[in-house]
């Protein structure tokens, strides 16, 4: 049976994640409130952040930055890349 959540990003009921994708309290909030579709949107956005800012996922400062952006992406005003606009 599929687990459904009221997705905070999509603003609708959608299929939930199969398992927690991030540790800690933020991971629990994501598991409880983010759909699979929204998580995939985050993965694409995270990849863009890593590439645009030339971050290394093993750098603790980069991981903290990504976690802060993840919080903004799902539960805040959204995560943005400076001086970047999506193609029309």
C-alpha atoms as a PDB file:
ATOM      1  CA  UNK A   1       0.000   0.000   0.000  1.00  0.00           C
ATOM      2  CA  UNK A   2       1.284   3.432  -0.965  1.00  0.00           C
ATOM      3  CA  UNK A   3       1.938   5.929   1.809  1.00  0.00           C
ATOM      4  CA  UNK A   4       0.334   9.309   1.097  1.00  0.00           C
ATOM      5  CA  UNK A   5       1.393  12.687   2.524  1.00  0.00           C
ATOM      6  CA  UNK A   6       0.117  16.233   2.282  1.00  0.00           C
ATOM      7  CA  UNK A   7       3.167  17.563   0.445  1.00  0.00           C
ATOM      8  CA  UNK A   8       4.346  20.955   1.686  1.00  0.00           C
ATOM      9  CA  UNK A   9       5.975  21.758  -1.644  1.00  0.00           C
ATOM     10  CA  UNK A  10       3.283  20.597  -4.066  1.00  0.00           C
ATOM     11  CA  UNK A  11       0.444  21.738  -1.768  1.00  0.00           C
ATOM     12  CA  UNK A  12      -1.523  18.545  -2.417  1.00  0.00           C
ATOM     13  CA  UNK A  13      -1.794  14.950  -1.303  1.00  0.00           C
ATOM     14  CA  UNK A  14       0.800  12.829  -3.089  1.00  0.00           C
ATOM     15  CA  UNK A  15       2.757   9.593  -2.763  1.00  0.00           C
ATOM     16  CA  UNK A  16       5.160   9.774   0.181  1.00  0.00           C
ATOM     17  CA  UNK A  17       8.750   8.645   0.368  1.00  0.00           C
ATOM     18  CA  UNK A  18       9.392   4.943   0.961  1.00  0.00           C
ATOM     19  CA  UNK A  19      11.951   5.614   3.683  1.00  0.00           C
ATOM     20  CA  UNK A  20      13.605   8.586   5.384  1.00  0.00           C
ATOM     21  CA  UNK A  21      16.099  10.182   3.007  1.00  0.00           C
ATOM     22  CA  UNK A  22      17.924  12.424   5.469  1.00  0.00           C
ATOM     23  CA  UNK A  23      18.956  11.928   9.110  1.00  0.00           C
ATOM     24  CA  UNK A  24      17.776  13.780  12.180  1.00  0.00           C
ATOM     25  CA  UNK A  25      14.824  16.025  12.861  1.00  0.00           C
ATOM     26  CA  UNK A  26      14.928  17.589   9.382  1.00  0.00           C
ATOM     27  CA  UNK A  27      14.841  14.102   7.878  1.00  0.00           C
ATOM     28  CA  UNK A  28      11.770  13.229   9.948  1.00  0.00           C
ATOM     29  CA  UNK A  29       9.997  16.418   8.831  1.00  0.00           C
ATOM     30  CA  UNK A  30      10.844  15.635   5.211  1.00  0.00           C
ATOM     31  CA  UNK A  31       9.649  12.030   5.521  1.00  0.00           C
ATOM     32  CA  UNK A  32       6.357  13.171   7.093  1.00  0.00           C
ATOM     33  CA  UNK A  33       5.657  16.129   4.772  1.00  0.00           C
ATOM     34  CA  UNK A  34       7.413  15.689   1.401  1.00  0.00           C
ATOM     35  CA  UNK A  35       6.289  13.583  -1.553  1.00  0.00           C
ATOM     36  CA  UNK A  36       8.462  11.506  -3.862  1.00  0.00           C
ATOM     37  CA  UNK A  37       7.879  14.027  -6.656  1.00  0.00           C
ATOM     38  CA  UNK A  38       8.961  16.956  -4.462  1.00  0.00           C
ATOM     39  CA  UNK A  39      12.029  15.034  -3.290  1.00  0.00           C
ATOM     40  CA  UNK A  40      13.070  14.515  -6.922  1.00  0.00           C
ATOM     41  CA  UNK A  41      12.698  18.270  -7.488  1.00  0.00           C
ATOM     42  CA  UNK A  42      15.022  18.817  -4.524  1.00  0.00           C
ATOM     43  CA  UNK A  43      17.587  16.328  -5.868  1.00  0.00           C
ATOM     44  CA  UNK A  44      17.727  18.273  -9.170  1.00  0.00           C
ATOM     45  CA  UNK A  45      17.989  21.576  -7.302  1.00  0.00           C
ATOM     46  CA  UNK A  46      20.676  20.220  -4.979  1.00  0.00           C
ATOM     47  CA  UNK A  47      22.703  19.081  -7.995  1.00  0.00           C
ATOM     48  CA  UNK A  48      22.445  22.579  -9.433  1.00  0.00           C
ATOM     49  CA  UNK A  49      23.593  24.097  -6.115  1.00  0.00           C
ATOM     50  CA  UNK A  50      26.559  21.734  -5.922  1.00  0.00           C
ATOM     51  CA  UNK A  51      27.573  22.544  -9.492  1.00  0.00           C
ATOM     52  CA  UNK A  52      26.956  26.308  -9.475  1.00  0.00           C
ATOM     53  CA  UNK A  53      28.744  26.887  -6.170  1.00  0.00           C
ATOM     54  CA  UNK A  54      31.367  24.185  -6.866  1.00  0.00           C
ATOM     55  CA  UNK A  55      30.675  22.478  -3.556  1.00  0.00           C
ATOM     56  CA  UNK A  56      32.114  19.208  -2.358  1.00  0.00           C
ATOM     57  CA  UNK A  57      29.631  16.983  -0.511  1.00  0.00           C
ATOM     58  CA  UNK A  58      32.410  15.822   1.827  1.00  0.00           C
ATOM     59  CA  UNK A  59      33.149  19.380   3.022  1.00  0.00           C
ATOM     60  CA  UNK A  60      31.325  20.027   6.341  1.00  0.00           C
ATOM     61  CA  UNK A  61      30.665  23.685   5.388  1.00  0.00           C
ATOM     62  CA  UNK A  62      29.124  22.592   2.081  1.00  0.00           C
ATOM     63  CA  UNK A  63      26.947  19.998   3.854  1.00  0.00           C
ATOM     64  CA  UNK A  64      25.716  22.644   6.296  1.00  0.00           C
ATOM     65  CA  UNK A  65      24.935  24.993   3.386  1.00  0.00           C
ATOM     66  CA  UNK A  66      23.034  22.236   1.545  1.00  0.00           C
ATOM     67  CA  UNK A  67      21.059  21.390   4.690  1.00  0.00           C
ATOM     68  CA  UNK A  68      20.109  25.060   5.155  1.00  0.00           C
ATOM     69  CA  UNK A  69      19.033  25.266   1.510  1.00  0.00           C
ATOM     70  CA  UNK A  70      17.017  22.052   1.895  1.00  0.00           C
ATOM     71  CA  UNK A  71      15.195  23.573   4.877  1.00  0.00           C
ATOM     72  CA  UNK A  72      14.428  26.707   2.811  1.00  0.00           C
ATOM     73  CA  UNK A  73      13.404  24.667  -0.247  1.00  0.00           C
ATOM     74  CA  UNK A  74      10.788  22.631   1.600  1.00  0.00           C
ATOM     75  CA  UNK A  75       9.769  24.709   4.617  1.00  0.00           C
ATOM     76  CA  UNK A  76      10.867  28.296   3.927  1.00  0.00           C
ATOM     77  CA  UNK A  77      10.802  30.848   1.134  1.00  0.00           C
ATOM     78  CA  UNK A  78      12.559  28.552  -1.330  1.00  0.00           C
ATOM     79  CA  UNK A  79      16.174  28.020  -2.243  1.00  0.00           C
ATOM     80  CA  UNK A  80      17.708  30.143  -4.982  1.00  0.00           C
ATOM     81  CA  UNK A  81      20.986  30.233  -6.852  1.00  0.00           C
ATOM     82  CA  UNK A  82      22.387  33.766  -7.129  1.00  0.00           C
ATOM     83  CA  UNK A  83      22.412  35.198 -10.662  1.00  0.00           C
ATOM     84  CA  UNK A  84      20.681  32.177 -12.183  1.00  0.00           C
ATOM     85  CA  UNK A  85      17.360  32.119 -13.984  1.00  0.00           C
ATOM     86  CA  UNK A  86      15.789  29.004 -15.435  1.00  0.00           C
ATOM     87  CA  UNK A  87      15.601  28.795 -19.235  1.00  0.00           C
ATOM     88  CA  UNK A  88      12.349  30.011 -20.751  1.00  0.00           C
END
